[in-house]
Amino acid sequence: MKGKLKGEKYIGPAKVGPKGQIVIPKEVRDMFDISPGDTLIVLADAERGIAIEKFDTFNQIADAIFSGKSKELYPEHAEADSITFAKSIKAMREEIENE
């Protein structure tokens, strides 16, 4: 089955290769403006599944938290937890830049 695009939604298969790599379908790369060289973050939760997001999105969230908007973004979380999250994103950024 070839992937199907309807409005802003997509459904289609992605095979895992022998090295554990997946190919993001072109329609999805276009939808989210994903280009070669972009860094993505993989979020995994054993109960909820897997999500993939552009790293720049999380970097912007970390910047907003550091600028005092943590309660605005995540009112259900303690500010200290949001700051810990933002620090981990910034540490990841440094690790990525040093590769």
N, C-alpha and C. Protein backbone atom coordinates (compact mmCIF):
# COMPACT_ATOMS: atom_id res chain seq x y z
N MET A 1 0.84 -1.18 0.00
CA MET A 1 0.00 0.00 0.00
C MET A 1 0.88 1.24 0.00
N LYS A 2 0.66 2.09 -0.94
CA LYS A 2 1.37 3.37 -0.97
C LYS A 2 0.68 4.29 0.04
N GLY A 3 1.46 5.17 0.66
CA GLY A 3 0.91 6.08 1.64
C GLY A 3 -0.19 6.95 1.07
N LYS A 4 -1.10 7.34 1.93
CA LYS A 4 -2.21 8.19 1.52
C LYS A 4 -2.14 9.51 2.26
N LEU A 5 -2.29 10.56 1.50
CA LEU A 5 -2.27 11.91 2.05
C LEU A 5 -3.65 12.51 1.86
N LYS A 6 -4.23 12.99 2.94
CA LYS A 6 -5.54 13.62 2.86
C LYS A 6 -5.48 14.88 3.71
N GLY A 7 -5.52 16.02 3.07
CA GLY A 7 -5.40 17.26 3.82
C GLY A 7 -4.07 17.32 4.53
N GLU A 8 -4.11 17.39 5.84
CA GLU A 8 -2.88 17.46 6.63
C GLU A 8 -2.61 16.17 7.37
N LYS A 9 -3.13 15.06 6.86
CA LYS A 9 -2.92 13.76 7.50
C LYS A 9 -2.31 12.79 6.50
N TYR A 10 -1.54 11.84 7.01
CA TYR A 10 -0.88 10.86 6.16
C TYR A 10 -0.93 9.51 6.86
N ILE A 11 -1.12 8.47 6.09
CA ILE A 11 -0.99 7.12 6.62
C ILE A 11 -0.26 6.28 5.58
N GLY A 12 0.71 5.54 6.02
CA GLY A 12 1.48 4.71 5.11
C GLY A 12 2.52 3.93 5.87
N PRO A 13 3.07 2.91 5.23
CA PRO A 13 4.06 2.06 5.90
C PRO A 13 5.46 2.65 5.87
N ALA A 14 6.28 2.22 6.80
CA ALA A 14 7.71 2.54 6.82
C ALA A 14 8.41 1.27 7.28
N LYS A 15 9.29 0.73 6.46
CA LYS A 15 10.00 -0.49 6.82
C LYS A 15 11.28 -0.16 7.58
N VAL A 16 11.61 -1.04 8.50
CA VAL A 16 12.85 -0.91 9.25
C VAL A 16 13.91 -1.74 8.54
N GLY A 17 15.03 -1.10 8.20
CA GLY A 17 16.12 -1.78 7.51
C GLY A 17 16.98 -2.59 8.46
N PRO A 18 17.97 -3.29 7.93
CA PRO A 18 18.82 -4.16 8.75
C PRO A 18 19.62 -3.41 9.82
N LYS A 19 19.84 -2.13 9.63
CA LYS A 19 20.56 -1.33 10.64
C LYS A 19 19.62 -0.59 11.57
N GLY A 20 18.31 -0.90 11.50
CA GLY A 20 17.33 -0.24 12.36
C GLY A 20 16.88 1.12 11.84
N GLN A 21 17.24 1.44 10.61
CA GLN A 21 16.88 2.73 10.04
C GLN A 21 15.52 2.65 9.37
N ILE A 22 14.79 3.77 9.43
CA ILE A 22 13.54 3.87 8.70
C ILE A 22 13.64 5.03 7.73
N VAL A 23 12.87 4.94 6.66
CA VAL A 23 12.79 6.04 5.71
C VAL A 23 11.49 6.77 5.97
N ILE A 24 11.59 8.06 6.19
CA ILE A 24 10.38 8.87 6.37
C ILE A 24 9.83 9.15 4.97
N PRO A 25 8.58 8.77 4.73
CA PRO A 25 8.01 8.97 3.39
C PRO A 25 8.12 10.42 2.92
N LYS A 26 8.34 10.59 1.62
CA LYS A 26 8.51 11.92 1.04
C LYS A 26 7.36 12.85 1.38
N GLU A 27 6.14 12.32 1.34
CA GLU A 27 4.97 13.16 1.65
C GLU A 27 5.06 13.74 3.06
N VAL A 28 5.55 12.94 3.99
CA VAL A 28 5.69 13.39 5.38
C VAL A 28 6.85 14.37 5.50
N ARG A 29 7.98 14.08 4.82
CA ARG A 29 9.11 15.03 4.84
C ARG A 29 8.67 16.38 4.30
N ASP A 30 7.90 16.37 3.22
CA ASP A 30 7.41 17.63 2.65
C ASP A 30 6.46 18.33 3.62
N MET A 31 5.56 17.56 4.23
CA MET A 31 4.57 18.12 5.15
C MET A 31 5.23 18.86 6.32
N PHE A 32 6.34 18.28 6.82
CA PHE A 32 7.01 18.84 7.99
C PHE A 32 8.32 19.55 7.66
N ASP A 33 8.56 19.77 6.38
CA ASP A 33 9.76 20.48 5.93
C ASP A 33 11.03 19.85 6.53
N ILE A 34 11.12 18.52 6.40
CA ILE A 34 12.29 17.78 6.88
C ILE A 34 13.25 17.59 5.71
N SER A 35 14.49 18.02 5.91
CA SER A 35 15.50 17.97 4.86
C SER A 35 16.69 17.13 5.30
N PRO A 36 17.49 16.63 4.34
CA PRO A 36 18.70 15.91 4.72
C PRO A 36 19.56 16.77 5.65
N GLY A 37 20.07 16.16 6.70
CA GLY A 37 20.90 16.88 7.66
C GLY A 37 20.13 17.41 8.86
N ASP A 38 18.79 17.45 8.78
CA ASP A 38 18.00 17.89 9.94
C ASP A 38 18.17 16.89 11.07
N THR A 39 18.12 17.38 12.30
CA THR A 39 18.18 16.51 13.46
C THR A 39 16.77 16.33 14.00
N LEU A 40 16.40 15.08 14.24
CA LEU A 40 15.09 14.75 14.78
C LEU A 40 15.26 14.15 16.16
N ILE A 41 14.25 14.28 16.99
CA ILE A 41 14.24 13.66 18.31
C ILE A 41 13.22 12.54 18.27
N VAL A 42 13.61 11.39 18.81
CA VAL A 42 12.70 10.27 18.93
C VAL A 42 12.25 10.20 20.38
N LEU A 43 10.95 10.24 20.58
CA LEU A 43 10.36 10.12 21.90
C LEU A 43 9.73 8.74 21.98
N ALA A 44 10.01 7.99 23.02
CA ALA A 44 9.46 6.65 23.14
C ALA A 44 8.88 6.43 24.53
N ASP A 45 7.70 5.87 24.57
CA ASP A 45 7.02 5.53 25.80
C ASP A 45 6.46 4.13 25.60
N ALA A 46 6.82 3.20 26.46
CA ALA A 46 6.42 1.80 26.29
C ALA A 46 4.91 1.64 26.19
N GLU A 47 4.16 2.51 26.83
CA GLU A 47 2.70 2.41 26.79
C GLU A 47 2.06 3.23 25.68
N ARG A 48 2.66 4.37 25.36
CA ARG A 48 2.01 5.29 24.41
C ARG A 48 2.56 5.21 22.99
N GLY A 49 3.76 4.67 22.82
CA GLY A 49 4.32 4.51 21.49
C GLY A 49 5.50 5.42 21.20
N ILE A 50 5.74 5.64 19.90
CA ILE A 50 6.89 6.39 19.43
C ILE A 50 6.42 7.65 18.71
N ALA A 51 7.14 8.75 18.91
CA ALA A 51 6.88 9.99 18.18
C ALA A 51 8.22 10.54 17.71
N ILE A 52 8.19 11.22 16.59
CA ILE A 52 9.39 11.84 16.03
C ILE A 52 9.09 13.31 15.78
N GLU A 53 10.00 14.17 16.20
CA GLU A 53 9.79 15.61 16.05
C GLU A 53 11.10 16.26 15.66
N LYS A 54 11.04 17.37 14.95
CA LYS A 54 12.26 18.11 14.61
C LYS A 54 12.88 18.66 15.89
N PHE A 55 14.21 18.56 15.97
CA PHE A 55 14.90 19.03 17.16
C PHE A 55 14.66 20.52 17.39
N ASP A 56 14.60 21.28 16.32
CA ASP A 56 14.42 22.73 16.45
C ASP A 56 13.15 23.08 17.23
N THR A 57 12.11 22.26 17.11
CA THR A 57 10.87 22.50 17.86
C THR A 57 11.16 22.43 19.36
N PHE A 58 11.89 21.41 19.79
CA PHE A 58 12.21 21.27 21.20
C PHE A 58 13.17 22.35 21.67
N ASN A 59 14.07 22.76 20.82
CA ASN A 59 14.98 23.84 21.17
C ASN A 59 14.21 25.14 21.42
N GLN A 60 13.19 25.40 20.62
CA GLN A 60 12.35 26.59 20.81
C GLN A 60 11.55 26.49 22.12
N ILE A 61 11.08 25.29 22.43
CA ILE A 61 10.36 25.09 23.70
C ILE A 61 11.31 25.36 24.87
N ALA A 62 12.54 24.85 24.79
CA ALA A 62 13.52 25.08 25.87
C ALA A 62 13.79 26.57 26.03
N ASP A 63 13.94 27.28 24.93
CA ASP A 63 14.16 28.74 25.00
C ASP A 63 12.99 29.43 25.69
N ALA A 64 11.77 29.01 25.36
CA ALA A 64 10.57 29.61 25.98
C ALA A 64 10.54 29.33 27.48
N ILE A 65 10.90 28.13 27.87
CA ILE A 65 10.93 27.78 29.30
C ILE A 65 11.95 28.65 30.03
N PHE A 66 13.14 28.80 29.43
CA PHE A 66 14.18 29.62 30.07
C PHE A 66 13.79 31.10 30.10
N SER A 67 12.89 31.51 29.23
CA SER A 67 12.47 32.92 29.25
C SER A 67 11.28 33.14 30.19
N GLY A 68 10.95 32.11 30.99
CA GLY A 68 9.92 32.28 32.01
C GLY A 68 8.52 31.86 31.59
N LYS A 69 8.38 31.13 30.52
CA LYS A 69 7.05 30.76 30.05
C LYS A 69 6.68 29.31 30.36
N SER A 70 7.34 28.69 31.33
CA SER A 70 7.09 27.27 31.58
C SER A 70 5.65 27.03 32.04
N LYS A 71 5.10 27.87 32.88
CA LYS A 71 3.73 27.69 33.35
C LYS A 71 2.72 27.92 32.24
N GLU A 72 3.06 28.80 31.32
CA GLU A 72 2.21 29.05 30.15
C GLU A 72 2.16 27.81 29.25
N LEU A 73 3.32 27.21 29.03
CA LEU A 73 3.43 26.05 28.15
C LEU A 73 2.92 24.77 28.80
N TYR A 74 3.31 24.56 30.05
CA TYR A 74 2.99 23.31 30.74
C TYR A 74 2.44 23.60 32.14
N PRO A 75 1.21 24.11 32.23
CA PRO A 75 0.66 24.48 33.54
C PRO A 75 0.53 23.30 34.50
N GLU A 76 0.45 22.07 33.96
CA GLU A 76 0.28 20.90 34.81
C GLU A 76 1.60 20.38 35.39
N HIS A 77 2.74 20.93 34.95
CA HIS A 77 4.04 20.48 35.43
C HIS A 77 4.67 21.50 36.37
N ALA A 78 5.44 21.00 37.30
CA ALA A 78 6.19 21.90 38.19
C ALA A 78 7.24 22.63 37.37
N GLU A 79 7.48 23.90 37.70
CA GLU A 79 8.45 24.69 36.96
C GLU A 79 9.83 24.04 36.98
N ALA A 80 10.20 23.46 38.11
CA ALA A 80 11.51 22.80 38.22
C ALA A 80 11.62 21.65 37.21
N ASP A 81 10.53 20.91 37.00
CA ASP A 81 10.55 19.82 36.02
C ASP A 81 10.72 20.37 34.61
N SER A 82 10.06 21.47 34.31
CA SER A 82 10.18 22.09 32.98
C SER A 82 11.61 22.57 32.75
N ILE A 83 12.21 23.15 33.77
CA ILE A 83 13.59 23.64 33.65
C ILE A 83 14.56 22.46 33.46
N THR A 84 14.33 21.37 34.17
CA THR A 84 15.16 20.17 33.99
C THR A 84 15.05 19.67 32.56
N PHE A 85 13.82 19.65 32.03
CA PHE A 85 13.58 19.24 30.64
C PHE A 85 14.33 20.17 29.69
N ALA A 86 14.23 21.48 29.89
CA ALA A 86 14.88 22.46 29.02
C ALA A 86 16.40 22.29 29.07
N LYS A 87 16.94 22.03 30.25
CA LYS A 87 18.39 21.82 30.37
C LYS A 87 18.83 20.58 29.60
N SER A 88 18.01 19.53 29.63
CA SER A 88 18.38 18.31 28.90
C SER A 88 18.36 18.56 27.40
N ILE A 89 17.43 19.38 26.92
CA ILE A 89 17.38 19.73 25.50
C ILE A 89 18.64 20.51 25.11
N LYS A 90 19.03 21.47 25.94
CA LYS A 90 20.23 22.26 25.64
C LYS A 90 21.49 21.39 25.69
N ALA A 91 21.53 20.43 26.61
CA ALA A 91 22.68 19.52 26.67
C ALA A 91 22.73 18.67 25.40
N MET A 92 21.57 18.24 24.93
CA MET A 92 21.51 17.48 23.68
C MET A 92 22.02 18.32 22.52
N ARG A 93 21.65 19.60 22.50
CA ARG A 93 22.08 20.52 21.45
C ARG A 93 23.61 20.59 21.43
N GLU A 94 24.21 20.73 22.60
CA GLU A 94 25.67 20.80 22.67
C GLU A 94 26.31 19.50 22.16
N GLU A 95 25.72 18.38 22.54
CA GLU A 95 26.23 17.07 22.10
C GLU A 95 26.15 16.95 20.58
N ILE A 96 25.04 17.39 20.01
CA ILE A 96 24.85 17.34 18.56
C ILE A 96 25.88 18.23 17.85
N GLU A 97 26.08 19.42 18.38
CA GLU A 97 27.01 20.36 17.75
C GLU A 97 28.46 19.89 17.84
N ASN A 98 28.78 19.08 18.86
CA ASN A 98 30.14 18.59 19.04
C ASN A 98 30.43 17.29 18.30
N GLU A 99 29.45 16.76 17.60
CA GLU A 99 29.67 15.50 16.86
C GLU A 99 30.49 15.76 15.62
